[in-house]
C-alpha atoms as a PDB file:
ATOM      1  CA  MET A   1      96.349  74.250 126.752  1.00  0.00           C
ATOM      2  CA  LYS A   2      98.263  77.697 125.018  1.00  0.00           C
ATOM      3  CA  ALA A   3      95.968  81.185 126.396  1.00  0.00           C
ATOM      4  CA  SER A   4      96.876  84.616 125.829  1.00  0.00           C
ATOM      5  CA  TYR A   5      96.725  85.437 130.011  1.00  0.00           C
ATOM      6  CA  LEU A   6      97.127  88.353 132.599  1.00  0.00           C
ATOM      7  CA  ASP A   7      99.311  88.314 135.513  1.00  0.00           C
ATOM      8  CA  GLU A   8      98.631  91.610 136.899  1.00  0.00           C
ATOM      9  CA  GLN A   9      96.079  94.397 135.321  1.00  0.00           C
ATOM     10  CA  GLY A  10      97.410  97.792 133.497  1.00  0.00           C
ATOM     11  CA  GLY A  11      98.458  98.430 129.549  1.00  0.00           C
ATOM     12  CA  PRO A  12      98.531  96.280 126.714  1.00  0.00           C
ATOM     13  CA  GLU A  13     101.810  94.940 127.237  1.00  0.00           C
ATOM     14  CA  VAL A  14     101.169  93.041 130.498  1.00  0.00           C
ATOM     15  CA  LEU A  15      99.065  90.560 128.392  1.00  0.00           C
ATOM     16  CA  LYS A  16     101.254  86.796 128.237  1.00  0.00           C
ATOM     17  CA  TYR A  17     101.109  84.167 126.452  1.00  0.00           C
ATOM     18  CA  GLY A  18     102.304  80.672 127.212  1.00  0.00           C
ATOM     19  CA  ASP A  19     100.695  76.922 128.453  1.00  0.00           C
ATOM     20  CA  LEU A  20      97.419  77.186 130.832  1.00  0.00           C
ATOM     21  CA  PRO A  21      95.593  73.783 132.785  1.00  0.00           C
ATOM     22  CA  ASP A  22      93.173  72.696 130.263  1.00  0.00           C
ATOM     23  CA  PRO A  23      89.350  73.136 131.325  1.00  0.00           C
ATOM     24  CA  ILE A  24      87.640  70.070 132.434  1.00  0.00           C
ATOM     25  CA  ALA A  25      83.858  70.058 131.869  1.00  0.00           C
ATOM     26  CA  GLY A  26      81.912  70.129 135.095  1.00  0.00           C
ATOM     27  CA  GLU A  27      77.993  69.042 135.391  1.00  0.00           C
ATOM     28  CA  GLY A  28      75.615  71.267 132.879  1.00  0.00           C
ATOM     29  CA  GLU A  29      79.195  72.158 131.004  1.00  0.00           C
ATOM     30  CA  VAL A  30      81.176  71.276 128.258  1.00  0.00           C
ATOM     31  CA  VAL A  31      84.752  71.844 126.621  1.00  0.00           C
ATOM     32  CA  VAL A  32      84.640  73.455 123.308  1.00  0.00           C
ATOM     33  CA  ASN A  33      87.777  73.341 121.004  1.00  0.00           C
ATOM     34  CA  ILE A  34      87.871  77.132 120.295  1.00  0.00           C
ATOM     35  CA  HIS A  35      88.241  78.107 117.021  1.00  0.00           C
ATOM     36  CA  SER A  36      87.698  81.888 116.476  1.00  0.00           C
ATOM     37  CA  ALA A  37      87.723  83.759 120.079  1.00  0.00           C
ATOM     38  CA  SER A  38      86.108  88.328 119.390  1.00  0.00           C
ATOM     39  CA  ILE A  39      88.332  90.639 121.122  1.00  0.00           C
ATOM     40  CA  ASN A  40      85.613  93.397 122.591  1.00  0.00           C
ATOM     41  CA  GLY A  41      85.906  96.685 123.636  1.00  0.00           C
ATOM     42  CA  ALA A  42      85.137  95.450 127.222  1.00  0.00           C
ATOM     43  CA  ASP A  43      88.270  93.347 127.235  1.00  0.00           C
ATOM     44  CA  TRP A  44      90.673  96.079 127.836  1.00  0.00           C
ATOM     45  CA  LYS A  45      88.839  98.111 130.050  1.00  0.00           C
ATOM     46  CA  VAL A  46      88.902  94.874 132.173  1.00  0.00           C
ATOM     47  CA  ARG A  47      93.097  94.479 131.825  1.00  0.00           C
ATOM     48  CA  ALA A  48      92.520  98.039 131.998  1.00  0.00           C
ATOM     49  CA  GLY A  49      91.226  97.678 135.432  1.00  0.00           C
ATOM     50  CA  HIS A  50      88.363 100.279 134.186  1.00  0.00           C
ATOM     51  CA  TYR A  51      85.506  98.167 135.685  1.00  0.00           C
ATOM     52  CA  SER A  52      87.067  96.474 139.035  1.00  0.00           C
ATOM     53  CA  THR A  53      89.855  94.813 140.197  1.00  0.00           C
ATOM     54  CA  LEU A  54      90.875  91.080 139.925  1.00  0.00           C
ATOM     55  CA  ASN A  55      91.759  89.421 142.421  1.00  0.00           C
ATOM     56  CA  LYS A  56      92.931  86.269 141.069  1.00  0.00           C
ATOM     57  CA  PHE A  57      95.698  85.249 138.426  1.00  0.00           C
ATOM     58  CA  PRO A  58      96.533  83.921 136.392  1.00  0.00           C
ATOM     59  CA  TYR A  59      93.590  85.904 134.598  1.00  0.00           C
ATOM     60  CA  ILE A  60      92.123  85.035 131.113  1.00  0.00           C
ATOM     61  CA  LEU A  61      89.843  87.397 129.151  1.00  0.00           C
ATOM     62  CA  GLY A  62      87.046  86.847 126.220  1.00  0.00           C
ATOM     63  CA  ARG A  63      83.782  86.395 126.654  1.00  0.00           C
ATOM     64  CA  ASP A  64      82.037  85.238 123.362  1.00  0.00           C
ATOM     65  CA  PHE A  65      83.765  82.643 121.079  1.00  0.00           C
ATOM     66  CA  SER A  66      83.704  79.156 118.306  1.00  0.00           C
ATOM     67  CA  GLY A  67      84.385  75.581 118.521  1.00  0.00           C
ATOM     68  CA  VAL A  68      83.684  71.766 118.635  1.00  0.00           C
ATOM     69  CA  VAL A  69      82.571  70.703 121.686  1.00  0.00           C
ATOM     70  CA  SER A  70      85.454  68.387 122.857  1.00  0.00           C
ATOM     71  CA  GLN A  71      84.446  66.894 126.284  1.00  0.00           C
ATOM     72  CA  VAL A  72      80.313  66.783 127.468  1.00  0.00           C
ATOM     73  CA  GLY A  73      79.380  66.978 131.178  1.00  0.00           C
ATOM     74  CA  GLN A  74      77.106  65.007 133.175  1.00  0.00           C
ATOM     75  CA  GLY A  75      73.449  66.082 132.214  1.00  0.00           C
ATOM     76  CA  VAL A  76      73.885  67.339 129.067  1.00  0.00           C
ATOM     77  CA  GLU A  77      72.128  65.739 126.621  1.00  0.00           C
ATOM     78  CA  ASP A  78      71.785  68.150 124.061  1.00  0.00           C
ATOM     79  CA  PHE A  79      75.342  68.375 122.503  1.00  0.00           C
ATOM     80  CA  LYS A  80      78.111  65.724 121.353  1.00  0.00           C
ATOM     81  CA  LYS A  81      81.546  65.821 121.123  1.00  0.00           C
ATOM     82  CA  GLY A  82      82.133  66.969 117.594  1.00  0.00           C
ATOM     83  CA  ASP A  83      79.285  69.165 117.289  1.00  0.00           C
ATOM     84  CA  GLU A  84      80.392  72.863 116.318  1.00  0.00           C
ATOM     85  CA  VAL A  85      78.837  75.531 119.022  1.00  0.00           C
ATOM     86  CA  PHE A  86      79.271  79.113 119.094  1.00  0.00           C
ATOM     87  CA  GLY A  87      78.140  81.856 121.934  1.00  0.00           C
ATOM     88  CA  VAL A  88      78.679  84.388 124.448  1.00  0.00           C
ATOM     89  CA  CYS A  89      80.124  83.168 128.006  1.00  0.00           C
ATOM     90  CA  ASP A  90      77.954  83.705 131.417  1.00  0.00           C
ATOM     91  CA  VAL A  91      77.659  87.209 133.444  1.00  0.00           C
ATOM     92  CA  GLY A  92      80.622  86.587 135.108  1.00  0.00           C
ATOM     93  CA  GLN A  93      82.508  84.203 132.955  1.00  0.00           C
ATOM     94  CA  GLU A  94      85.656  84.691 130.935  1.00  0.00           C
ATOM     95  CA  GLY A  95      87.744  82.631 129.373  1.00  0.00           C
ATOM     96  CA  THR A  96      88.157  83.097 125.204  1.00  0.00           C
ATOM     97  CA  TYR A  97      91.267  84.101 124.959  1.00  0.00           C
ATOM     98  CA  ALA A  98      92.484  80.330 125.092  1.00  0.00           C
ATOM     99  CA  GLU A  99      92.499  76.956 122.524  1.00  0.00           C
ATOM    100  CA  LYS A 100      89.884  75.723 125.332  1.00  0.00           C
ATOM    101  CA  ILE A 101      86.899  77.169 127.795  1.00  0.00           C
ATOM    102  CA  ALA A 102      84.257  75.402 129.274  1.00  0.00           C
ATOM    103  CA  ILE A 103      80.973  76.073 128.962  1.00  0.00           C
ATOM    104  CA  LYS A 104      77.083  76.032 129.967  1.00  0.00           C
ATOM    105  CA  ALA A 105      76.141  74.451 127.794  1.00  0.00           C
ATOM    106  CA  SER A 106      72.354  76.190 127.665  1.00  0.00           C
ATOM    107  CA  ILE A 107      73.795  78.943 126.986  1.00  0.00           C
ATOM    108  CA  ILE A 108      75.350  78.400 124.360  1.00  0.00           C
ATOM    109  CA  ALA A 109      74.011  77.210 120.187  1.00  0.00           C
ATOM    110  CA  LEU A 110      74.835  75.130 117.430  1.00  0.00           C
ATOM    111  CA  LYS A 111      77.082  76.484 114.219  1.00  0.00           C
ATOM    112  CA  PRO A 112      75.229  76.277 111.470  1.00  0.00           C
ATOM    113  CA  GLU A 113      77.676  75.271 108.598  1.00  0.00           C
ATOM    114  CA  SER A 114      76.552  78.139 106.461  1.00  0.00           C
ATOM    115  CA  ILE A 115      78.660  80.247 109.394  1.00  0.00           C
ATOM    116  CA  SER A 116      82.640  80.460 109.375  1.00  0.00           C
ATOM    117  CA  HIS A 117      83.758  79.748 112.625  1.00  0.00           C
ATOM    118  CA  ASN A 118      84.867  83.408 112.474  1.00  0.00           C
ATOM    119  CA  ALA A 119      81.663  84.816 111.213  1.00  0.00           C
ATOM    120  CA  ALA A 120      79.912  82.984 114.384  1.00  0.00           C
ATOM    121  CA  ALA A 121      82.226  84.901 116.753  1.00  0.00           C
ATOM    122  CA  THR A 122      82.355  88.340 115.661  1.00  0.00           C
ATOM    123  CA  LEU A 123      78.987  87.692 115.795  1.00  0.00           C
ATOM    124  CA  SER A 124      77.725  86.589 118.289  1.00  0.00           C
ATOM    125  CA  LEU A 125      78.687  88.850 121.043  1.00  0.00           C
ATOM    126  CA  ILE A 126      77.549  91.794 119.446  1.00  0.00           C
ATOM    127  CA  GLY A 127      74.150  90.659 118.674  1.00  0.00           C
ATOM    128  CA  LEU A 128      73.461  89.455 121.224  1.00  0.00           C
ATOM    129  CA  THR A 129      74.153  93.242 122.646  1.00  0.00           C
ATOM    130  CA  ALA A 130      72.240  94.912 119.432  1.00  0.00           C
ATOM    131  CA  ILE A 131      68.901  92.235 120.187  1.00  0.00           C
ATOM    132  CA  ILE A 132      68.781  93.186 123.874  1.00  0.00           C
ATOM    133  CA  SER A 133      69.145  97.131 123.255  1.00  0.00           C
ATOM    134  CA  ILE A 134      67.296  97.421 119.699  1.00  0.00           C
ATOM    135  CA  GLU A 135      64.402  95.176 119.844  1.00  0.00           C
ATOM    136  CA  GLU A 136      64.048  94.412 123.398  1.00  0.00           C
ATOM    137  CA  THR A 137      65.213  98.098 125.785  1.00  0.00           C
ATOM    138  CA  LEU A 138      64.415 100.516 123.621  1.00  0.00           C
ATOM    139  CA  LYS A 139      61.608  98.098 121.848  1.00  0.00           C
ATOM    140  CA  LEU A 140      62.192 100.601 118.710  1.00  0.00           C
ATOM    141  CA  GLN A 141      59.202 100.220 115.883  1.00  0.00           C
ATOM    142  CA  ALA A 142      58.869 100.985 112.959  1.00  0.00           C
ATOM    143  CA  GLY A 143      58.781 104.811 111.582  1.00  0.00           C
ATOM    144  CA  GLU A 144      60.481 105.687 114.180  1.00  0.00           C
ATOM    145  CA  LYS A 145      63.684 107.819 114.026  1.00  0.00           C
ATOM    146  CA  ILE A 146      66.998 106.546 115.861  1.00  0.00           C
ATOM    147  CA  LEU A 147      70.331 108.197 116.514  1.00  0.00           C
ATOM    148  CA  ILE A 148      72.786 105.662 117.152  1.00  0.00           C
ATOM    149  CA  GLN A 149      76.018 106.361 118.162  1.00  0.00           C
ATOM    150  CA  GLY A 150      79.223 105.173 116.716  1.00  0.00           C
ATOM    151  CA  GLY A 151      78.030 103.513 113.752  1.00  0.00           C
ATOM    152  CA  ALA A 152      81.657 101.743 112.772  1.00  0.00           C
ATOM    153  CA  GLY A 153      82.117  99.824 116.033  1.00  0.00           C
ATOM    154  CA  GLY A 154      80.265  95.809 116.480  1.00  0.00           C
ATOM    155  CA  VAL A 155      77.626  96.780 118.171  1.00  0.00           C
ATOM    156  CA  ALA A 156      76.634  99.856 116.326  1.00  0.00           C
ATOM    157  CA  SER A 157      76.489  98.161 112.438  1.00  0.00           C
ATOM    158  CA  PHE A 158      74.430  94.985 113.865  1.00  0.00           C
ATOM    159  CA  ALA A 159      72.424  97.686 115.565  1.00  0.00           C
ATOM    160  CA  ILE A 160      71.866  99.997 112.227  1.00  0.00           C
ATOM    161  CA  GLN A 161      70.811  96.964 110.261  1.00  0.00           C
ATOM    162  CA  LEU A 162      68.540  95.375 112.880  1.00  0.00           C
ATOM    163  CA  ALA A 163      67.240  98.887 113.180  1.00  0.00           C
ATOM    164  CA  LYS A 164      66.288  99.582 109.932  1.00  0.00           C
ATOM    165  CA  TYR A 165      64.835  95.253 109.031  1.00  0.00           C
ATOM    166  CA  ILE A 166      61.948  96.232 112.147  1.00  0.00           C
ATOM    167  CA  GLY A 167      61.595  99.729 110.192  1.00  0.00           C
ATOM    168  CA  ALA A 168      63.116 102.576 111.550  1.00  0.00           C
ATOM    169  CA  SER A 169      64.555 106.074 110.630  1.00  0.00           C
ATOM    170  CA  VAL A 170      68.335 105.866 111.250  1.00  0.00           C
ATOM    171  CA  ILE A 171      71.123 108.518 112.251  1.00  0.00           C
ATOM    172  CA  THR A 172      74.454 107.655 112.693  1.00  0.00           C
ATOM    173  CA  THR A 173      77.730 109.925 114.112  1.00  0.00           C
ATOM    174  CA  SER A 174      81.539 108.801 112.355  1.00  0.00           C
ATOM    175  CA  SER A 175      84.662 109.582 111.278  1.00  0.00           C
ATOM    176  CA  PHE A 176      84.361 110.581 107.540  1.00  0.00           C
ATOM    177  CA  ASN A 177      86.266 107.838 106.554  1.00  0.00           C
ATOM    178  CA  ASN A 178      83.405 105.836 107.888  1.00  0.00           C
ATOM    179  CA  MET A 179      80.380 107.556 106.084  1.00  0.00           C
ATOM    180  CA  ASN A 180      80.426 105.672 103.058  1.00  0.00           C
ATOM    181  CA  TYR A 181      81.310 102.416 104.522  1.00  0.00           C
ATOM    182  CA  LEU A 182      77.198 103.212 107.160  1.00  0.00           C
ATOM    183  CA  LEU A 183      75.442 104.553 104.428  1.00  0.00           C
ATOM    184  CA  ASP A 184      75.801 100.990 102.929  1.00  0.00           C
ATOM    185  CA  LEU A 185      74.358  99.613 105.503  1.00  0.00           C
ATOM    186  CA  GLY A 186      71.365 101.294 105.639  1.00  0.00           C
ATOM    187  CA  ALA A 187      71.731 104.244 108.118  1.00  0.00           C
ATOM    188  CA  ASP A 188      69.461 107.120 106.546  1.00  0.00           C
ATOM    189  CA  GLN A 189      72.149 110.020 107.224  1.00  0.00           C
ATOM    190  CA  VAL A 190      75.291 109.828 108.605  1.00  0.00           C
ATOM    191  CA  ILE A 191      77.417 112.415 110.599  1.00  0.00           C
ATOM    192  CA  ASP A 192      80.664 113.228 111.131  1.00  0.00           C
ATOM    193  CA  TYR A 193      81.623 113.693 114.371  1.00  0.00           C
ATOM    194  CA  ASN A 194      84.918 115.837 113.368  1.00  0.00           C
ATOM    195  CA  LYS A 195      83.381 118.592 111.963  1.00  0.00           C
ATOM    196  CA  TYR A 196      79.256 118.283 112.972  1.00  0.00           C
ATOM    197  CA  ASP A 197      78.149 118.452 116.866  1.00  0.00           C
ATOM    198  CA  PHE A 198      75.448 116.134 116.851  1.00  0.00           C
ATOM    199  CA  SER A 199      73.903 117.922 119.220  1.00  0.00           C
ATOM    200  CA  GLU A 200      73.297 121.434 117.179  1.00  0.00           C
ATOM    201  CA  VAL A 201      71.580 118.960 113.978  1.00  0.00           C
ATOM    202  CA  VAL A 202      69.618 115.801 115.697  1.00  0.00           C
ATOM    203  CA  SER A 203      66.384 116.924 117.152  1.00  0.00           C
ATOM    204  CA  ASP A 204      62.982 114.960 117.760  1.00  0.00           C
ATOM    205  CA  CYS A 205      64.435 111.835 117.842  1.00  0.00           C
ATOM    206  CA  ASP A 206      62.191 108.429 119.202  1.00  0.00           C
ATOM    207  CA  ALA A 207      65.389 106.909 120.556  1.00  0.00           C
ATOM    208  CA  VAL A 208      68.892 106.770 121.503  1.00  0.00           C
ATOM    209  CA  PHE A 209      71.241 103.827 121.300  1.00  0.00           C
ATOM    210  CA  GLU A 210      74.793 105.180 122.882  1.00  0.00           C
ATOM    211  CA  THR A 211      77.857 102.964 122.341  1.00  0.00           C
ATOM    212  CA  VAL A 212      80.403 105.325 123.169  1.00  0.00           C
ATOM    213  CA  GLY A 213      80.127 106.564 126.714  1.00  0.00           C
ATOM    214  CA  GLY A 214      81.299 109.607 128.265  1.00  0.00           C
ATOM    215  CA  ASP A 215      79.942 113.912 127.578  1.00  0.00           C
ATOM    216  CA  VAL A 216      78.881 112.178 123.932  1.00  0.00           C
ATOM    217  CA  ALA A 217      76.303 110.078 126.307  1.00  0.00           C
ATOM    218  CA  LEU A 218      75.414 113.036 128.386  1.00  0.00           C
ATOM    219  CA  ARG A 219      74.364 115.288 124.769  1.00  0.00           C
ATOM    220  CA  SER A 220      72.465 112.522 123.962  1.00  0.00           C
ATOM    221  CA  PHE A 221      69.900 113.070 125.971  1.00  0.00           C
ATOM    222  CA  SER A 222      69.764 116.190 124.188  1.00  0.00           C
ATOM    223  CA  VAL A 223      67.957 114.698 121.252  1.00  0.00           C
ATOM    224  CA  LEU A 224      65.113 112.933 122.343  1.00  0.00           C
ATOM    225  CA  LYS A 225      61.643 113.853 122.029  1.00  0.00           C
ATOM    226  CA  SER A 226      59.149 114.384 124.490  1.00  0.00           C
ATOM    227  CA  GLY A 227      57.978 110.343 125.767  1.00  0.00           C
ATOM    228  CA  GLY A 228      61.447 109.314 124.191  1.00  0.00           C
ATOM    229  CA  ARG A 229      64.144 106.335 125.753  1.00  0.00           C
ATOM    230  CA  ALA A 230      68.149 106.086 124.887  1.00  0.00           C
ATOM    231  CA  ALA A 231      69.933 103.092 125.869  1.00  0.00           C
ATOM    232  CA  PHE A 232      73.636 103.436 127.103  1.00  0.00           C
ATOM    233  CA  ILE A 233      75.860 100.371 127.155  1.00  0.00           C
ATOM    234  CA  ALA A 234      79.164 102.132 127.771  1.00  0.00           C
ATOM    235  CA  SER A 235      78.366 104.403 130.438  1.00  0.00           C
ATOM    236  CA  GLY A 236      79.066 101.567 132.922  1.00  0.00           C
ATOM    237  CA  ALA A 237      76.415  98.994 135.293  1.00  0.00           C
ATOM    238  CA  LYS A 238      74.243 101.966 134.982  1.00  0.00           C
ATOM    239  CA  ALA A 239      72.845 104.479 132.505  1.00  0.00           C
ATOM    240  CA  PRO A 240      73.320 107.929 133.363  1.00  0.00           C
ATOM    241  CA  ALA A 241      70.924 109.868 134.730  1.00  0.00           C
ATOM    242  CA  SER A 242      68.863 111.829 132.540  1.00  0.00           C
ATOM    243  CA  PRO A 243      68.723 115.523 133.241  1.00  0.00           C
ATOM    244  CA  ARG A 244      65.059 115.350 132.090  1.00  0.00           C
ATOM    245  CA  ASP A 245      61.943 114.285 133.603  1.00  0.00           C
ATOM    246  CA  ASP A 246      60.508 113.578 130.487  1.00  0.00           C
ATOM    247  CA  ILE A 247      62.255 110.748 128.708  1.00  0.00           C
ATOM    248  CA  HIS A 248      63.915 107.576 129.882  1.00  0.00           C
ATOM    249  CA  SER A 249      67.272 106.714 130.448  1.00  0.00           C
ATOM    250  CA  LEU A 250      67.355 102.850 129.924  1.00  0.00           C
ATOM    251  CA  ARG A 251      70.584 100.170 130.882  1.00  0.00           C
ATOM    252  CA  PRO A 252      69.898  96.693 128.382  1.00  0.00           C
ATOM    253  CA  LEU A 253      70.437  93.876 130.735  1.00  0.00           C
ATOM    254  CA  VAL A 254      72.143  91.534 128.500  1.00  0.00           C
ATOM    255  CA  ASN A 255      71.711  87.478 129.189  1.00  0.00           C
ATOM    256  CA  ARG A 256      72.491  84.981 128.345  1.00  0.00           C
ATOM    257  CA  GLU A 257      70.726  82.508 126.576  1.00  0.00           C
ATOM    258  CA  ARG A 258      70.470  79.874 123.276  1.00  0.00           C
ATOM    259  CA  ARG A 259      67.428  81.747 121.899  1.00  0.00           C
ATOM    260  CA  TYR A 260      69.684  85.030 121.120  1.00  0.00           C
ATOM    261  CA  MET A 261      72.270  82.927 119.496  1.00  0.00           C
ATOM    262  CA  GLU A 262      69.882  81.185 117.179  1.00  0.00           C
ATOM    263  CA  ARG A 263      68.151  84.541 116.470  1.00  0.00           C
ATOM    264  CA  ILE A 264      71.781  86.422 115.300  1.00  0.00           C
ATOM    265  CA  VAL A 265      71.080  83.013 112.988  1.00  0.00           C
ATOM    266  CA  SER A 266      68.394  83.317 111.786  1.00  0.00           C
ATOM    267  CA  LEU A 267      69.162  86.844 110.740  1.00  0.00           C
ATOM    268  CA  PHE A 268      72.509  86.703 109.431  1.00  0.00           C
ATOM    269  CA  GLU A 269      70.652  83.644 106.587  1.00  0.00           C
ATOM    270  CA  SER A 270      68.265  85.881 106.568  1.00  0.00           C
ATOM    271  CA  ASN A 271      71.160  88.663 104.460  1.00  0.00           C
ATOM    272  CA  VAL A 272      69.707  91.157 107.055  1.00  0.00           C
ATOM    273  CA  ILE A 273      72.467  90.788 108.947  1.00  0.00           C
ATOM    274  CA  ARG A 274      75.813  91.947 106.436  1.00  0.00           C
ATOM    275  CA  LEU A 275      79.500  90.092 108.159  1.00  0.00           C
ATOM    276  CA  PRO A 276      81.691  93.079 109.812  1.00  0.00           C
ATOM    277  CA  GLU A 277      84.881  93.651 108.302  1.00  0.00           C
ATOM    278  CA  ILE A 278      87.691  91.774 110.450  1.00  0.00           C
ATOM    279  CA  THR A 279      90.847  91.641 111.082  1.00  0.00           C
ATOM    280  CA  THR A 280      92.799  88.317 112.750  1.00  0.00           C
ATOM    281  CA  TYR A 281      95.116  87.924 114.629  1.00  0.00           C
ATOM    282  CA  SER A 282      97.336  85.149 116.990  1.00  0.00           C
ATOM    283  CA  LEU A 283      96.151  84.992 120.712  1.00  0.00           C
ATOM    284  CA  SER A 284     100.393  85.747 121.264  1.00  0.00           C
ATOM    285  CA  GLN A 285      99.203  88.599 118.873  1.00  0.00           C
ATOM    286  CA  ALA A 286      97.399  89.624 121.894  1.00  0.00           C
ATOM    287  CA  THR A 287      98.721  92.775 122.482  1.00  0.00           C
ATOM    288  CA  ARG A 288      98.646  94.223 119.617  1.00  0.00           C
ATOM    289  CA  ALA A 289      95.378  93.706 119.024  1.00  0.00           C
ATOM    290  CA  HIS A 290      94.348  95.286 122.373  1.00  0.00           C
ATOM    291  CA  LYS A 291      96.418  98.585 120.616  1.00  0.00           C
ATOM    292  CA  VAL A 292      93.882  98.462 118.013  1.00  0.00           C
ATOM    293  CA  SER A 293      91.184  98.278 119.976  1.00  0.00           C
ATOM    294  CA  GLU A 294      91.952 100.586 122.581  1.00  0.00           C
ATOM    295  CA  GLY A 295      92.317 103.188 120.101  1.00  0.00           C
ATOM    296  CA  ARG A 296      88.503 102.909 119.563  1.00  0.00           C
ATOM    297  CA  HIS A 297      89.281 104.386 116.065  1.00  0.00           C
ATOM    298  CA  LEU A 298      88.970 100.182 114.200  1.00  0.00           C
ATOM    299  CA  ARG A 299      85.759  99.528 111.535  1.00  0.00           C
ATOM    300  CA  GLY A 300      84.246  96.330 112.554  1.00  0.00           C
ATOM    301  CA  LYS A 301      85.569  93.391 114.515  1.00  0.00           C
ATOM    302  CA  LEU A 302      88.436  91.931 115.761  1.00  0.00           C
ATOM    303  CA  VAL A 303      89.068  87.852 115.611  1.00  0.00           C
ATOM    304  CA  PHE A 304      91.765  85.623 117.585  1.00  0.00           C
ATOM    305  CA  GLU A 305      91.974  82.520 114.703  1.00  0.00           C
ATOM    306  CA  ILE A 306      93.081  80.125 117.237  1.00  0.00           C
ATOM    307  CA  LYS A 307      92.409  76.768 115.501  1.00  0.00           C
END
């Protein structure tokens, strides 16, 4: 199969394109011929060594995908060859920057005809992360006020729409160029982070969803009211320690389960969630795509069209 892969960690230029062995479905697994695979911020962080040092090469990045089942392993009864499916790799697994992947059948879902492969791949990981963060970790309620940092990113833009659907008041941050885009998604207030310090203009929030990391994460505590809670997905495996004992600092546990994929489909088909803007690349253009992703100023999602 063709794949974009690493023989070492480093900058975008270490990504290679070539042939690697086809995967084989183990017990409880299916092999999926990938049609679309999403590019996520976590991918370049793994490539650059920000999370950990890889010790096995060649290594294929990528966590979410959409495609067609081409092989069914022993014990799998809920899928057959030819089924269109989508999903997110299990925790600790990557490998969607390729024409094929072997994956646990229990964590993926059937792709309905109403959703294209590009859309399904785009929504999988961002939807999974946003749903778990907003609904299960923060337990956001109607009438509450939430600050969502970095609103134009994939996870944050999904979260804005989900929070509005729940009935919350939503404040978000972005560059000036993305302000109208985020207002159109439903944000009640958009703060231009190049012009204003959010910590000086936002206060008394019930919740914060932080997707940026660094100093932004640490300053996010200041906008919470007593009893408030903040969820962090860009500050590593653990949430940063809270400087206040009257608020809660949380790290969403983004488990892989089929029910989350089905929830994404339901929200999309009900017009609760709008598909983000998509920019497509071929697998051979992975270096170019990573340069854009690592720049961290993109709007919407980047997707590999593979088949």
